Structure formats: C-alpha cells, structure tokens
C-alpha cells in the first residue's frame, strides 16, 4: 500500500493492543479504518494474521 501523504510504502506495525499502518518514508501512521477502502491483497493478508484488531 502507498501512503496518502507522500506515496511511500506503508508497513503494518503491531503494538500491544493495536495495529497501525506506518509509512516508511514520512513516518505518518494510519489507523486501519482510515485506509480500509484502499487495502491491497498483500496488506489484507498480513492483517488477517491478527485475531483481533482494535479500532481506536
């Protein structure tokens, strides 16, 4: 997936109780619901590994 701000690559970042997508270039973080309509197959497959995603 690409960052909406700079077009950099987003990576899935998991912390204790949350999952975010973080840009490797500009370091902006997105909550899952912010980019849900843009999820690609690769990112969706990674997110499917987590049994629960907390939207905060």
PDB file of N, CA and C in Angstrom:
ATOM      1  N   UNK A   1       0.830  -1.182   0.000  1.00  0.00           N
ATOM      2  CA  UNK A   1       0.000   0.000   0.000  1.00  0.00           C
ATOM      3  C   UNK A   1       0.872   1.241   0.000  1.00  0.00           C
ATOM      4  N   UNK A   2       0.315   2.305  -0.498  1.00  0.00           N
ATOM      5  CA  UNK A   2       1.026   3.572  -0.584  1.00  0.00           C
ATOM      6  C   UNK A   2       0.434   4.591   0.386  1.00  0.00           C
ATOM      7  N   UNK A   3       1.306   5.413   0.933  1.00  0.00           N
ATOM      8  CA  UNK A   3       0.917   6.491   1.833  1.00  0.00           C
ATOM      9  C   UNK A   3       0.122   7.541   1.061  1.00  0.00           C
ATOM     10  N   UNK A   4      -0.935   8.025   1.667  1.00  0.00           N
ATOM     11  CA  UNK A   4      -1.740   9.067   1.032  1.00  0.00           C
ATOM     12  C   UNK A   4      -1.015  10.409   1.012  1.00  0.00           C
ATOM     13  N   UNK A   5      -0.078  10.595   1.901  1.00  0.00           N
ATOM     14  CA  UNK A   5       0.624  11.879   2.016  1.00  0.00           C
ATOM     15  C   UNK A   5       1.810  11.983   1.053  1.00  0.00           C
ATOM     16  N   UNK A   6       2.671  10.941   1.029  1.00  0.00           N
ATOM     17  CA  UNK A   6       3.910  11.049   0.239  1.00  0.00           C
ATOM     18  C   UNK A   6       4.092   9.932  -0.781  1.00  0.00           C
ATOM     19  N   UNK A   7       3.157   8.988  -0.834  1.00  0.00           N
ATOM     20  CA  UNK A   7       3.219   7.857  -1.761  1.00  0.00           C
ATOM     21  C   UNK A   7       4.293   6.834  -1.390  1.00  0.00           C
ATOM     22  N   UNK A   8       4.819   6.931  -0.146  1.00  0.00           N
ATOM     23  CA  UNK A   8       5.775   5.939   0.343  1.00  0.00           C
ATOM     24  C   UNK A   8       5.070   4.628   0.672  1.00  0.00           C
ATOM     25  N   UNK A   9       5.835   3.607   0.947  1.00  0.00           N
ATOM     26  CA  UNK A   9       5.274   2.294   1.254  1.00  0.00           C
ATOM     27  C   UNK A   9       4.809   2.220   2.711  1.00  0.00           C
ATOM     28  N   UNK A  10       3.591   1.705   2.909  1.00  0.00           N
ATOM     29  CA  UNK A  10       3.065   1.514   4.254  1.00  0.00           C
ATOM     30  C   UNK A  10       3.404   0.113   4.733  1.00  0.00           C
ATOM     31  N   UNK A  11       3.755   0.012   6.007  1.00  0.00           N
ATOM     32  CA  UNK A  11       4.011  -1.291   6.601  1.00  0.00           C
ATOM     33  C   UNK A  11       3.122  -1.456   7.824  1.00  0.00           C
ATOM     34  N   UNK A  12       2.757  -2.687   8.108  1.00  0.00           N
ATOM     35  CA  UNK A  12       1.920  -2.983   9.261  1.00  0.00           C
ATOM     36  C   UNK A  12       2.778  -2.958  10.513  1.00  0.00           C
ATOM     37  N   UNK A  13       2.354  -2.182  11.487  1.00  0.00           N
ATOM     38  CA  UNK A  13       3.042  -2.077  12.777  1.00  0.00           C
ATOM     39  C   UNK A  13       2.080  -2.530  13.867  1.00  0.00           C
ATOM     40  N   UNK A  14       2.468  -3.548  14.606  1.00  0.00           N
ATOM     41  CA  UNK A  14       1.635  -4.071  15.681  1.00  0.00           C
ATOM     42  C   UNK A  14       2.278  -3.737  17.014  1.00  0.00           C
ATOM     43  N   UNK A  15       1.485  -3.165  17.913  1.00  0.00           N
ATOM     44  CA  UNK A  15       1.938  -2.964  19.283  1.00  0.00           C
ATOM     45  C   UNK A  15       1.036  -3.796  20.182  1.00  0.00           C
ATOM     46  N   UNK A  16       1.162  -3.633  21.444  1.00  0.00           N
ATOM     47  CA  UNK A  16       0.470  -4.485  22.403  1.00  0.00           C
ATOM     48  C   UNK A  16      -1.025  -4.636  22.108  1.00  0.00           C
ATOM     49  N   UNK A  17      -1.716  -3.539  21.904  1.00  0.00           N
ATOM     50  CA  UNK A  17      -3.170  -3.618  21.749  1.00  0.00           C
ATOM     51  C   UNK A  17      -3.696  -2.952  20.493  1.00  0.00           C
ATOM     52  N   UNK A  18      -2.828  -2.675  19.549  1.00  0.00           N
ATOM     53  CA  UNK A  18      -3.321  -2.012  18.351  1.00  0.00           C
ATOM     54  C   UNK A  18      -2.450  -2.345  17.141  1.00  0.00           C
ATOM     55  N   UNK A  19      -3.034  -2.114  15.989  1.00  0.00           N
ATOM     56  CA  UNK A  19      -2.337  -2.315  14.725  1.00  0.00           C
ATOM     57  C   UNK A  19      -2.475  -1.028  13.923  1.00  0.00           C
ATOM     58  N   UNK A  20      -1.385  -0.579  13.368  1.00  0.00           N
ATOM     59  CA  UNK A  20      -1.377   0.634  12.554  1.00  0.00           C
ATOM     60  C   UNK A  20      -0.615   0.357  11.258  1.00  0.00           C
ATOM     61  N   UNK A  21      -0.848   1.196  10.278  1.00  0.00           N
ATOM     62  CA  UNK A  21      -0.057   1.196   9.064  1.00  0.00           C
ATOM     63  C   UNK A  21       0.826   2.431   9.135  1.00  0.00           C
ATOM     64  N   UNK A  22       2.138   2.242   8.984  1.00  0.00           N
ATOM     65  CA  UNK A  22       3.086   3.341   9.117  1.00  0.00           C
ATOM     66  C   UNK A  22       3.900   3.478   7.836  1.00  0.00           C
ATOM     67  N   UNK A  23       4.038   4.711   7.395  1.00  0.00           N
ATOM     68  CA  UNK A  23       4.801   4.994   6.188  1.00  0.00           C
ATOM     69  C   UNK A  23       6.295   4.888   6.487  1.00  0.00           C
ATOM     70  N   UNK A  24       6.995   4.179   5.643  1.00  0.00           N
ATOM     71  CA  UNK A  24       8.446   4.037   5.811  1.00  0.00           C
ATOM     72  C   UNK A  24       9.188   5.316   5.434  1.00  0.00           C
ATOM     73  N   UNK A  25       8.543   6.167   4.663  1.00  0.00           N
ATOM     74  CA  UNK A  25       9.196   7.383   4.191  1.00  0.00           C
ATOM     75  C   UNK A  25       8.941   8.575   5.123  1.00  0.00           C
ATOM     76  N   UNK A  26       7.683   8.966   5.315  1.00  0.00           N
ATOM     77  CA  UNK A  26       7.374  10.165   6.105  1.00  0.00           C
ATOM     78  C   UNK A  26       6.976   9.832   7.540  1.00  0.00           C
ATOM     79  N   UNK A  27       6.829   8.546   7.856  1.00  0.00           N
ATOM     80  CA  UNK A  27       6.529   8.050   9.198  1.00  0.00           C
ATOM     81  C   UNK A  27       5.116   8.369   9.686  1.00  0.00           C
ATOM     82  N   UNK A  28       4.230   8.787   8.809  1.00  0.00           N
ATOM     83  CA  UNK A  28       2.838   9.025   9.194  1.00  0.00           C
ATOM     84  C   UNK A  28       2.199   7.683   9.522  1.00  0.00           C
ATOM     85  N   UNK A  29       1.376   7.659  10.564  1.00  0.00           N
ATOM     86  CA  UNK A  29       0.649   6.448  10.945  1.00  0.00           C
ATOM     87  C   UNK A  29      -0.827   6.597  10.613  1.00  0.00           C
ATOM     88  N   UNK A  30      -1.395   5.506  10.124  1.00  0.00           N
ATOM     89  CA  UNK A  30      -2.815   5.462   9.799  1.00  0.00           C
ATOM     90  C   UNK A  30      -3.490   4.396  10.638  1.00  0.00           C
ATOM     91  N   UNK A  31      -4.675   4.703  11.141  1.00  0.00           N
ATOM     92  CA  UNK A  31      -5.490   3.680  11.761  1.00  0.00           C
ATOM     93  C   UNK A  31      -6.111   2.855  10.637  1.00  0.00           C
ATOM     94  N   UNK A  32      -6.423   1.615  10.921  1.00  0.00           N
ATOM     95  CA  UNK A  32      -6.934   0.716   9.885  1.00  0.00           C
ATOM     96  C   UNK A  32      -8.178   1.280   9.209  1.00  0.00           C
ATOM     97  N   UNK A  33      -9.105   1.819   9.991  1.00  0.00           N
ATOM     98  CA  UNK A  33     -10.348   2.320   9.393  1.00  0.00           C
ATOM     99  C   UNK A  33     -10.119   3.525   8.476  1.00  0.00           C
ATOM    100  N   UNK A  34      -9.007   4.219   8.634  1.00  0.00           N
ATOM    101  CA  UNK A  34      -8.714   5.365   7.768  1.00  0.00           C
ATOM    102  C   UNK A  34      -8.364   4.945   6.347  1.00  0.00           C
ATOM    103  N   UNK A  35      -7.807   3.769   6.196  1.00  0.00           N
ATOM    104  CA  UNK A  35      -7.358   3.313   4.878  1.00  0.00           C
ATOM    105  C   UNK A  35      -8.033   2.009   4.445  1.00  0.00           C
ATOM    106  N   UNK A  36      -9.067   1.617   5.148  1.00  0.00           N
ATOM    107  CA  UNK A  36      -9.722   0.329   4.874  1.00  0.00           C
ATOM    108  C   UNK A  36     -10.180   0.197   3.421  1.00  0.00           C
ATOM    109  N   UNK A  37     -10.649   1.267   2.832  1.00  0.00           N
ATOM    110  CA  UNK A  37     -11.130   1.200   1.444  1.00  0.00           C
ATOM    111  C   UNK A  37      -9.999   1.029   0.435  1.00  0.00           C
ATOM    112  N   UNK A  38      -8.757   1.264   0.862  1.00  0.00           N
ATOM    113  CA  UNK A  38      -7.599   1.170  -0.034  1.00  0.00           C
ATOM    114  C   UNK A  38      -6.737  -0.064   0.190  1.00  0.00           C
ATOM    115  N   UNK A  39      -7.131  -0.953   1.094  1.00  0.00           N
ATOM    116  CA  UNK A  39      -6.295  -2.115   1.408  1.00  0.00           C
ATOM    117  C   UNK A  39      -6.051  -2.961   0.166  1.00  0.00           C
ATOM    118  N   UNK A  40      -4.803  -3.341  -0.040  1.00  0.00           N
ATOM    119  CA  UNK A  40      -4.471  -4.238  -1.140  1.00  0.00           C
ATOM    120  C   UNK A  40      -4.414  -5.675  -0.612  1.00  0.00           C
ATOM    121  N   UNK A  41      -4.241  -6.628  -1.504  1.00  0.00           N
ATOM    122  CA  UNK A  41      -4.258  -8.045  -1.108  1.00  0.00           C
ATOM    123  C   UNK A  41      -3.126  -8.383  -0.143  1.00  0.00           C
ATOM    124  N   UNK A  42      -1.947  -7.855  -0.385  1.00  0.00           N
ATOM    125  CA  UNK A  42      -0.797  -8.139   0.474  1.00  0.00           C
ATOM    126  C   UNK A  42      -1.053  -7.655   1.903  1.00  0.00           C
ATOM    127  N   UNK A  43      -1.514  -6.432   2.046  1.00  0.00           N
ATOM    128  CA  UNK A  43      -1.777  -5.867   3.374  1.00  0.00           C
ATOM    129  C   UNK A  43      -2.929  -6.589   4.049  1.00  0.00           C
ATOM    130  N   UNK A  44      -3.969  -6.906   3.305  1.00  0.00           N
ATOM    131  CA  UNK A  44      -5.098  -7.651   3.860  1.00  0.00           C
ATOM    132  C   UNK A  44      -4.654  -9.003   4.400  1.00  0.00           C
ATOM    133  N   UNK A  45      -3.771  -9.665   3.681  1.00  0.00           N
ATOM    134  CA  UNK A  45      -3.276 -10.978   4.120  1.00  0.00           C
ATOM    135  C   UNK A  45      -2.491 -10.854   5.428  1.00  0.00           C
ATOM    136  N   UNK A  46      -1.710  -9.791   5.565  1.00  0.00           N
ATOM    137  CA  UNK A  46      -0.970  -9.571   6.809  1.00  0.00           C
ATOM    138  C   UNK A  46      -1.937  -9.316   7.954  1.00  0.00           C
ATOM    139  N   UNK A  47      -2.941  -8.478   7.730  1.00  0.00           N
ATOM    140  CA  UNK A  47      -3.908  -8.147   8.779  1.00  0.00           C
ATOM    141  C   UNK A  47      -4.740  -9.352   9.202  1.00  0.00           C
ATOM    142  N   UNK A  48      -4.960 -10.289   8.295  1.00  0.00           N
ATOM    143  CA  UNK A  48      -5.730 -11.494   8.617  1.00  0.00           C
ATOM    144  C   UNK A  48      -5.025 -12.374   9.644  1.00  0.00           C
ATOM    145  N   UNK A  49      -3.740 -12.178   9.854  1.00  0.00           N
ATOM    146  CA  UNK A  49      -2.988 -12.958  10.834  1.00  0.00           C
ATOM    147  C   UNK A  49      -3.378 -12.613  12.267  1.00  0.00           C
ATOM    148  N   UNK A  50      -3.927 -11.422  12.457  1.00  0.00           N
ATOM    149  CA  UNK A  50      -4.284 -10.969  13.792  1.00  0.00           C
ATOM    150  C   UNK A  50      -5.742 -11.306  14.075  1.00  0.00           C
ATOM    151  N   UNK A  51      -5.967 -11.963  15.201  1.00  0.00           N
ATOM    152  CA  UNK A  51      -7.332 -12.399  15.531  1.00  0.00           C
ATOM    153  C   UNK A  51      -8.236 -11.238  15.897  1.00  0.00           C
ATOM    154  N   UNK A  52      -7.680 -10.183  16.448  1.00  0.00           N
ATOM    155  CA  UNK A  52      -8.473  -9.023  16.844  1.00  0.00           C
ATOM    156  C   UNK A  52      -7.712  -7.757  16.500  1.00  0.00           C
ATOM    157  N   UNK A  53      -8.414  -6.851  15.887  1.00  0.00           N
ATOM    158  CA  UNK A  53      -7.852  -5.530  15.611  1.00  0.00           C
ATOM    159  C   UNK A  53      -8.725  -4.523  16.351  1.00  0.00           C
ATOM    160  N   UNK A  54      -8.112  -3.730  17.192  1.00  0.00           N
ATOM    161  CA  UNK A  54      -8.844  -2.733  17.958  1.00  0.00           C
ATOM    162  C   UNK A  54      -8.780  -1.416  17.217  1.00  0.00           C
ATOM    163  N   UNK A  55      -9.937  -0.863  16.945  1.00  0.00           N
ATOM    164  CA  UNK A  55     -10.016   0.436  16.279  1.00  0.00           C
ATOM    165  C   UNK A  55     -10.127   1.507  17.350  1.00  0.00           C
ATOM    166  N   UNK A  56      -9.123   2.344  17.453  1.00  0.00           N
ATOM    167  CA  UNK A  56      -9.174   3.429  18.427  1.00  0.00           C
ATOM    168  C   UNK A  56      -8.881   4.755  17.793  1.00  0.00           C
TER     169      UNK A  56
END
